[in-house]
Amino acid sequence: MSQQFQFLDIIFLGIVVLLLINRLRSVLGTRPSADNSVKNETVQPAKIVDISEYRTLESATGSKMEQDITASTDFEEDAEVIQSLKKIKEAFPSFDLVDFMQKAPRAFEYIALAFAGGDKESLKPLLSDNIYHSFEKAIDERKERKETAEFSLIGFKSIKLTDAKMFGSEVELTVEFETEQTNIVKNAAGEVIIGDPTYIETVTDIWTLKKNMHSSDPIWILTATHSK
């Protein structure tokens, strides 16, 4: 008789365990398969671009040039740009394209936020005289109208190096930034008069940045900018 009760106890415990397992699955869910995780994943653009893959170019003389190739760019097919980069690297071995491409999106965000916030002090050391005066005029006019601008960078869709030039000791690199952003302007009463805070627009900006390679200053100066 005692054996029969032990057998029933085992069956009862087994049923309890099964019920607990089913309960846990319903609460925690099951781990998705590799295929499902890829299909269901929504890729969002990163605010700070993670550049993790580099390639190496070798000239006939054996000098090496590291360059970033993003998934969306045809940069490596532009023979003229590649030749210019090789010449720059040969003339200035300290030139680091990888470092530039890592910092360019951060500079873009920093300058755009400073301009929207009317921070002329932060902008001045990063802009050429012509660009600074244009930005300064726009900021002052906005202030006179008692308007405020709000800029939010949602993310970078692509970053492309489109041109490279060398003028003596100075190097100019042109970068195309395709970004998702929101832009609004408010009046003195705080009412939105330009833009829509709920609308995310895709904007393509082309910036040219310059640096004197003989200078110890690591900053690249923005010398030209326009939208595509």
C-alpha atoms as a PDB file:
ATOM      1  CA  MET A   1       0.000   0.000   0.000  1.00  0.00           C
ATOM      2  CA  SER A   2       2.838   2.394   0.898  1.00  0.00           C
ATOM      3  CA  GLN A   3       4.431   1.738  -2.514  1.00  0.00           C
ATOM      4  CA  GLN A   4       1.155   2.652  -4.216  1.00  0.00           C
ATOM      5  CA  PHE A   5       1.067   5.967  -2.305  1.00  0.00           C
ATOM      6  CA  GLN A   6       4.693   6.665  -3.253  1.00  0.00           C
ATOM      7  CA  PHE A   7       3.845   6.025  -6.904  1.00  0.00           C
ATOM      8  CA  LEU A   8       0.889   8.438  -6.718  1.00  0.00           C
ATOM      9  CA  ASP A   9       3.099  11.029  -5.021  1.00  0.00           C
ATOM     10  CA  ILE A  10       5.612  10.804  -7.884  1.00  0.00           C
ATOM     11  CA  ILE A  11       2.872  11.251 -10.478  1.00  0.00           C
ATOM     12  CA  PHE A  12       1.466  14.230  -8.550  1.00  0.00           C
ATOM     13  CA  LEU A  13       4.893  15.885  -8.306  1.00  0.00           C
ATOM     14  CA  GLY A  14       5.453  15.311 -12.029  1.00  0.00           C
ATOM     15  CA  ILE A  15       2.181  17.068 -12.864  1.00  0.00           C
ATOM     16  CA  VAL A  16       3.129  20.002 -10.614  1.00  0.00           C
ATOM     17  CA  VAL A  17       6.533  20.352 -12.353  1.00  0.00           C
ATOM     18  CA  LEU A  18       4.908  20.351 -15.798  1.00  0.00           C
ATOM     19  CA  LEU A  19       2.423  23.004 -14.717  1.00  0.00           C
ATOM     20  CA  LEU A  20       5.252  25.174 -13.360  1.00  0.00           C
ATOM     21  CA  ILE A  21       7.250  24.850 -16.600  1.00  0.00           C
ATOM     22  CA  ASN A  22       4.247  25.838 -18.711  1.00  0.00           C
ATOM     23  CA  ARG A  23       3.588  28.763 -16.371  1.00  0.00           C
ATOM     24  CA  LEU A  24       7.168  29.999 -16.685  1.00  0.00           C
ATOM     25  CA  ARG A  25       7.050  29.763 -20.489  1.00  0.00           C
ATOM     26  CA  SER A  26       3.866  31.809 -20.604  1.00  0.00           C
ATOM     27  CA  VAL A  27       5.411  34.525 -18.403  1.00  0.00           C
ATOM     28  CA  LEU A  28       8.986  34.638 -19.734  1.00  0.00           C
ATOM     29  CA  GLY A  29       8.412  33.527 -23.285  1.00  0.00           C
ATOM     30  CA  THR A  30      10.708  31.356 -25.352  1.00  0.00           C
ATOM     31  CA  ARG A  31      14.005  32.337 -26.898  1.00  0.00           C
ATOM     32  CA  PRO A  32      13.528  33.316 -30.562  1.00  0.00           C
ATOM     33  CA  SER A  33      15.408  31.432 -33.232  1.00  0.00           C
ATOM     34  CA  ALA A  34      18.243  33.100 -35.149  1.00  0.00           C
ATOM     35  CA  ASP A  35      16.009  33.524 -38.216  1.00  0.00           C
ATOM     36  CA  ASN A  36      13.171  35.118 -36.267  1.00  0.00           C
ATOM     37  CA  SER A  37      15.481  37.510 -34.438  1.00  0.00           C
ATOM     38  CA  VAL A  38      16.813  38.831 -37.737  1.00  0.00           C
ATOM     39  CA  LYS A  39      13.360  39.237 -39.246  1.00  0.00           C
ATOM     40  CA  ASN A  40      11.838  40.965 -36.232  1.00  0.00           C
ATOM     41  CA  GLU A  41      14.740  43.247 -35.400  1.00  0.00           C
ATOM     42  CA  THR A  42      14.253  46.926 -36.267  1.00  0.00           C
ATOM     43  CA  VAL A  43      17.546  48.649 -37.011  1.00  0.00           C
ATOM     44  CA  GLN A  44      17.737  52.212 -35.679  1.00  0.00           C
ATOM     45  CA  PRO A  45      20.454  54.659 -36.751  1.00  0.00           C
ATOM     46  CA  ALA A  46      23.000  55.276 -34.027  1.00  0.00           C
ATOM     47  CA  LYS A  47      23.484  58.768 -32.675  1.00  0.00           C
ATOM     48  CA  ILE A  48      27.214  58.208 -32.381  1.00  0.00           C
ATOM     49  CA  VAL A  49      28.410  56.143 -35.301  1.00  0.00           C
ATOM     50  CA  ASP A  50      30.306  52.980 -34.381  1.00  0.00           C
ATOM     51  CA  ILE A  51      32.996  52.524 -36.996  1.00  0.00           C
ATOM     52  CA  SER A  52      34.223  48.970 -36.565  1.00  0.00           C
ATOM     53  CA  GLU A  53      35.510  47.851 -39.950  1.00  0.00           C
ATOM     54  CA  TYR A  54      38.510  49.332 -41.744  1.00  0.00           C
ATOM     55  CA  ARG A  55      40.362  48.469 -44.902  1.00  0.00           C
ATOM     56  CA  THR A  56      43.965  49.105 -45.808  1.00  0.00           C
ATOM     57  CA  LEU A  57      45.120  50.640 -49.072  1.00  0.00           C
ATOM     58  CA  GLU A  58      48.698  50.147 -50.228  1.00  0.00           C
ATOM     59  CA  SER A  59      50.384  52.417 -52.746  1.00  0.00           C
ATOM     60  CA  ALA A  60      53.117  51.300 -55.111  1.00  0.00           C
ATOM     61  CA  THR A  61      55.697  52.558 -52.636  1.00  0.00           C
ATOM     62  CA  GLY A  62      54.257  50.375 -49.890  1.00  0.00           C
ATOM     63  CA  SER A  63      52.839  53.161 -47.740  1.00  0.00           C
ATOM     64  CA  LYS A  64      49.568  52.181 -46.040  1.00  0.00           C
ATOM     65  CA  MET A  65      46.355  54.135 -45.774  1.00  0.00           C
ATOM     66  CA  GLU A  66      43.631  53.104 -43.398  1.00  0.00           C
ATOM     67  CA  GLN A  67      40.174  54.102 -44.522  1.00  0.00           C
ATOM     68  CA  ASP A  68      36.689  53.558 -43.282  1.00  0.00           C
ATOM     69  CA  ILE A  69      34.243  52.010 -45.742  1.00  0.00           C
ATOM     70  CA  THR A  70      30.642  52.183 -44.605  1.00  0.00           C
ATOM     71  CA  ALA A  71      28.029  49.786 -45.933  1.00  0.00           C
ATOM     72  CA  SER A  72      26.196  52.467 -47.865  1.00  0.00           C
ATOM     73  CA  THR A  73      29.066  54.227 -49.614  1.00  0.00           C
ATOM     74  CA  ASP A  74      30.674  53.850 -53.042  1.00  0.00           C
ATOM     75  CA  PHE A  75      33.775  55.659 -51.794  1.00  0.00           C
ATOM     76  CA  GLU A  76      36.171  52.826 -52.604  1.00  0.00           C
ATOM     77  CA  GLU A  77      35.135  52.999 -56.277  1.00  0.00           C
ATOM     78  CA  ASP A  78      36.187  56.656 -56.554  1.00  0.00           C
ATOM     79  CA  ALA A  79      39.718  56.297 -57.905  1.00  0.00           C
ATOM     80  CA  GLU A  80      40.379  60.046 -57.823  1.00  0.00           C
ATOM     81  CA  VAL A  81      39.597  60.329 -54.106  1.00  0.00           C
ATOM     82  CA  ILE A  82      41.718  57.275 -53.321  1.00  0.00           C
ATOM     83  CA  GLN A  83      44.700  58.678 -55.213  1.00  0.00           C
ATOM     84  CA  SER A  84      44.336  61.990 -53.374  1.00  0.00           C
ATOM     85  CA  LEU A  85      44.276  60.173 -50.030  1.00  0.00           C
ATOM     86  CA  LYS A  86      47.413  58.234 -50.935  1.00  0.00           C
ATOM     87  CA  LYS A  87      49.224  61.475 -51.789  1.00  0.00           C
ATOM     88  CA  ILE A  88      48.079  63.049 -48.525  1.00  0.00           C
ATOM     89  CA  LYS A  89      49.288  60.046 -46.553  1.00  0.00           C
ATOM     90  CA  GLU A  90      52.644  60.048 -48.318  1.00  0.00           C
ATOM     91  CA  ALA A  91      53.094  63.775 -47.655  1.00  0.00           C
ATOM     92  CA  PHE A  92      51.836  63.582 -44.068  1.00  0.00           C
ATOM     93  CA  PRO A  93      52.355  60.142 -42.464  1.00  0.00           C
ATOM     94  CA  SER A  94      50.541  61.343 -39.329  1.00  0.00           C
ATOM     95  CA  PHE A  95      47.311  61.777 -41.300  1.00  0.00           C
ATOM     96  CA  ASP A  96      44.742  59.376 -39.825  1.00  0.00           C
ATOM     97  CA  LEU A  97      41.609  58.990 -41.917  1.00  0.00           C
ATOM     98  CA  VAL A  98      40.080  56.493 -39.502  1.00  0.00           C
ATOM     99  CA  ASP A  99      40.356  58.999 -36.658  1.00  0.00           C
ATOM    100  CA  PHE A 100      38.826  61.704 -38.849  1.00  0.00           C
ATOM    101  CA  MET A 101      35.870  59.536 -39.853  1.00  0.00           C
ATOM    102  CA  GLN A 102      35.220  58.649 -36.230  1.00  0.00           C
ATOM    103  CA  LYS A 103      35.222  62.281 -35.121  1.00  0.00           C
ATOM    104  CA  ALA A 104      33.372  63.803 -38.084  1.00  0.00           C
ATOM    105  CA  PRO A 105      29.851  62.747 -37.000  1.00  0.00           C
ATOM    106  CA  ARG A 106      30.538  63.954 -33.467  1.00  0.00           C
ATOM    107  CA  ALA A 107      31.698  67.314 -34.819  1.00  0.00           C
ATOM    108  CA  PHE A 108      28.564  67.492 -36.967  1.00  0.00           C
ATOM    109  CA  GLU A 109      26.293  66.950 -33.956  1.00  0.00           C
ATOM    110  CA  TYR A 110      28.263  69.331 -31.732  1.00  0.00           C
ATOM    111  CA  ILE A 111      28.238  72.183 -34.264  1.00  0.00           C
ATOM    112  CA  ALA A 112      24.564  71.686 -35.188  1.00  0.00           C
ATOM    113  CA  LEU A 113      23.525  71.739 -31.517  1.00  0.00           C
ATOM    114  CA  ALA A 114      25.681  74.798 -30.791  1.00  0.00           C
ATOM    115  CA  PHE A 115      24.171  76.667 -33.745  1.00  0.00           C
ATOM    116  CA  ALA A 116      20.606  75.817 -32.711  1.00  0.00           C
ATOM    117  CA  GLY A 117      21.391  76.882 -29.150  1.00  0.00           C
ATOM    118  CA  GLY A 118      22.996  80.146 -30.254  1.00  0.00           C
ATOM    119  CA  ASP A 119      26.312  79.193 -28.609  1.00  0.00           C
ATOM    120  CA  LYS A 120      28.695  81.421 -30.545  1.00  0.00           C
ATOM    121  CA  GLU A 121      31.549  80.872 -28.097  1.00  0.00           C
ATOM    122  CA  SER A 122      31.601  77.133 -28.827  1.00  0.00           C
ATOM    123  CA  LEU A 123      31.246  77.668 -32.573  1.00  0.00           C
ATOM    124  CA  LYS A 124      34.043  80.210 -33.104  1.00  0.00           C
ATOM    125  CA  PRO A 125      37.098  77.886 -32.804  1.00  0.00           C
ATOM    126  CA  LEU A 126      35.475  75.261 -35.050  1.00  0.00           C
ATOM    127  CA  LEU A 127      34.499  77.442 -38.012  1.00  0.00           C
ATOM    128  CA  SER A 128      36.359  79.419 -40.646  1.00  0.00           C
ATOM    129  CA  ASP A 129      35.828  83.191 -40.480  1.00  0.00           C
ATOM    130  CA  ASN A 130      33.330  83.202 -43.352  1.00  0.00           C
ATOM    131  CA  ILE A 131      31.249  80.368 -41.938  1.00  0.00           C
ATOM    132  CA  TYR A 132      31.358  81.829 -38.432  1.00  0.00           C
ATOM    133  CA  HIS A 133      30.110  85.233 -39.622  1.00  0.00           C
ATOM    134  CA  SER A 134      27.216  83.556 -41.465  1.00  0.00           C
ATOM    135  CA  PHE A 135      26.278  81.526 -38.396  1.00  0.00           C
ATOM    136  CA  GLU A 136      26.690  84.563 -36.138  1.00  0.00           C
ATOM    137  CA  LYS A 137      24.377  86.653 -38.327  1.00  0.00           C
ATOM    138  CA  ALA A 138      21.682  83.970 -38.327  1.00  0.00           C
ATOM    139  CA  ILE A 139      21.914  83.597 -34.534  1.00  0.00           C
ATOM    140  CA  ASP A 140      21.726  87.368 -33.952  1.00  0.00           C
ATOM    141  CA  GLU A 141      18.742  87.755 -36.296  1.00  0.00           C
ATOM    142  CA  ARG A 142      16.960  84.929 -34.524  1.00  0.00           C
ATOM    143  CA  LYS A 143      17.663  86.576 -31.177  1.00  0.00           C
ATOM    144  CA  GLU A 144      16.328  89.936 -32.389  1.00  0.00           C
ATOM    145  CA  ARG A 145      13.067  88.256 -33.370  1.00  0.00           C
ATOM    146  CA  LYS A 146      13.008  86.591 -29.931  1.00  0.00           C
ATOM    147  CA  GLU A 147      12.896  83.184 -31.554  1.00  0.00           C
ATOM    148  CA  THR A 148      14.505  79.982 -30.328  1.00  0.00           C
ATOM    149  CA  ALA A 149      15.581  77.009 -32.423  1.00  0.00           C
ATOM    150  CA  GLU A 150      15.459  73.405 -31.329  1.00  0.00           C
ATOM    151  CA  PHE A 151      17.452  70.719 -33.113  1.00  0.00           C
ATOM    152  CA  SER A 152      17.458  67.006 -32.363  1.00  0.00           C
ATOM    153  CA  LEU A 153      19.687  64.545 -34.181  1.00  0.00           C
ATOM    154  CA  ILE A 154      17.890  61.215 -34.351  1.00  0.00           C
ATOM    155  CA  GLY A 155      20.703  59.397 -36.113  1.00  0.00           C
ATOM    156  CA  PHE A 156      23.041  59.029 -39.085  1.00  0.00           C
ATOM    157  CA  LYS A 157      21.780  57.062 -42.071  1.00  0.00           C
ATOM    158  CA  SER A 158      25.078  57.316 -43.935  1.00  0.00           C
ATOM    159  CA  ILE A 159      28.408  59.137 -43.866  1.00  0.00           C
ATOM    160  CA  LYS A 160      30.446  59.387 -47.065  1.00  0.00           C
ATOM    161  CA  LEU A 161      33.819  60.892 -47.810  1.00  0.00           C
ATOM    162  CA  THR A 162      33.233  62.517 -51.207  1.00  0.00           C
ATOM    163  CA  ASP A 163      36.404  64.531 -51.826  1.00  0.00           C
ATOM    164  CA  ALA A 164      39.969  64.974 -50.604  1.00  0.00           C
ATOM    165  CA  LYS A 165      42.351  67.771 -51.525  1.00  0.00           C
ATOM    166  CA  MET A 166      45.753  69.032 -50.468  1.00  0.00           C
ATOM    167  CA  PHE A 167      46.963  72.639 -50.689  1.00  0.00           C
ATOM    168  CA  GLY A 168      50.503  72.889 -49.420  1.00  0.00           C
ATOM    169  CA  SER A 169      50.366  71.938 -45.742  1.00  0.00           C
ATOM    170  CA  GLU A 170      46.573  72.083 -45.618  1.00  0.00           C
ATOM    171  CA  VAL A 171      44.248  69.129 -46.210  1.00  0.00           C
ATOM    172  CA  GLU A 172      40.558  69.518 -47.071  1.00  0.00           C
ATOM    173  CA  LEU A 173      38.118  66.638 -46.729  1.00  0.00           C
ATOM    174  CA  THR A 174      34.489  66.803 -47.829  1.00  0.00           C
ATOM    175  CA  VAL A 175      31.936  64.608 -46.099  1.00  0.00           C
ATOM    176  CA  GLU A 176      28.309  63.937 -46.954  1.00  0.00           C
ATOM    177  CA  PHE A 177      26.117  63.367 -43.892  1.00  0.00           C
ATOM    178  CA  GLU A 178      22.668  61.865 -44.388  1.00  0.00           C
ATOM    179  CA  THR A 179      20.837  62.277 -41.102  1.00  0.00           C
ATOM    180  CA  GLU A 180      17.416  61.936 -39.538  1.00  0.00           C
ATOM    181  CA  GLN A 181      16.588  65.006 -37.477  1.00  0.00           C
ATOM    182  CA  THR A 182      13.876  67.289 -36.142  1.00  0.00           C
ATOM    183  CA  ASN A 183      14.047  71.072 -36.474  1.00  0.00           C
ATOM    184  CA  ILE A 184      11.640  73.627 -35.061  1.00  0.00           C
ATOM    185  CA  VAL A 185      11.601  77.354 -34.342  1.00  0.00           C
ATOM    186  CA  LYS A 186       9.522  78.873 -31.561  1.00  0.00           C
ATOM    187  CA  ASN A 187       8.443  82.477 -31.026  1.00  0.00           C
ATOM    188  CA  ALA A 188       8.704  84.445 -27.795  1.00  0.00           C
ATOM    189  CA  ALA A 189       5.492  82.844 -26.527  1.00  0.00           C
ATOM    190  CA  GLY A 190       6.944  79.362 -27.014  1.00  0.00           C
ATOM    191  CA  GLU A 191       4.696  78.579 -29.965  1.00  0.00           C
ATOM    192  CA  VAL A 192       6.087  76.537 -32.854  1.00  0.00           C
ATOM    193  CA  ILE A 193       6.179  78.758 -35.943  1.00  0.00           C
ATOM    194  CA  ILE A 194       8.454  76.649 -38.152  1.00  0.00           C
ATOM    195  CA  GLY A 195       8.704  72.873 -38.326  1.00  0.00           C
ATOM    196  CA  ASP A 196       6.934  70.047 -36.541  1.00  0.00           C
ATOM    197  CA  PRO A 197       8.388  68.428 -33.403  1.00  0.00           C
ATOM    198  CA  THR A 198       6.763  65.113 -34.328  1.00  0.00           C
ATOM    199  CA  TYR A 199       8.125  65.038 -37.893  1.00  0.00           C
ATOM    200  CA  ILE A 200      11.471  63.362 -38.493  1.00  0.00           C
ATOM    201  CA  GLU A 201      13.027  64.562 -41.731  1.00  0.00           C
ATOM    202  CA  THR A 202      15.924  63.118 -43.691  1.00  0.00           C
ATOM    203  CA  VAL A 203      18.504  65.790 -44.465  1.00  0.00           C
ATOM    204  CA  THR A 204      21.696  65.541 -46.510  1.00  0.00           C
ATOM    205  CA  ASP A 205      24.410  68.038 -45.588  1.00  0.00           C
ATOM    206  CA  ILE A 206      27.774  68.329 -47.287  1.00  0.00           C
ATOM    207  CA  TRP A 207      30.565  69.730 -45.136  1.00  0.00           C
ATOM    208  CA  THR A 208      34.154  70.582 -46.028  1.00  0.00           C
ATOM    209  CA  LEU A 209      36.668  70.533 -43.182  1.00  0.00           C
ATOM    210  CA  LYS A 210      40.254  71.753 -43.289  1.00  0.00           C
ATOM    211  CA  LYS A 211      43.352  71.189 -41.181  1.00  0.00           C
ATOM    212  CA  ASN A 212      46.924  72.451 -41.314  1.00  0.00           C
ATOM    213  CA  MET A 213      48.903  69.226 -41.026  1.00  0.00           C
ATOM    214  CA  HIS A 214      51.913  71.063 -39.585  1.00  0.00           C
ATOM    215  CA  SER A 215      49.809  72.296 -36.678  1.00  0.00           C
ATOM    216  CA  SER A 216      49.643  70.408 -33.384  1.00  0.00           C
ATOM    217  CA  ASP A 217      46.004  71.477 -33.041  1.00  0.00           C
ATOM    218  CA  PRO A 218      43.852  68.371 -33.713  1.00  0.00           C
ATOM    219  CA  ILE A 219      40.758  70.385 -34.676  1.00  0.00           C
ATOM    220  CA  TRP A 220      39.425  70.269 -38.233  1.00  0.00           C
ATOM    221  CA  ILE A 221      37.842  73.617 -39.188  1.00  0.00           C
ATOM    222  CA  LEU A 222      34.515  73.742 -41.027  1.00  0.00           C
ATOM    223  CA  THR A 223      35.101  75.872 -44.146  1.00  0.00           C
ATOM    224  CA  ALA A 224      32.013  75.184 -46.276  1.00  0.00           C
ATOM    225  CA  THR A 225      28.582  73.696 -45.847  1.00  0.00           C
ATOM    226  CA  HIS A 226      25.480  73.231 -47.958  1.00  0.00           C
ATOM    227  CA  SER A 227      22.449  70.966 -48.159  1.00  0.00           C
ATOM    228  CA  LYS A 228      21.856  68.554 -51.001  1.00  0.00           C
END
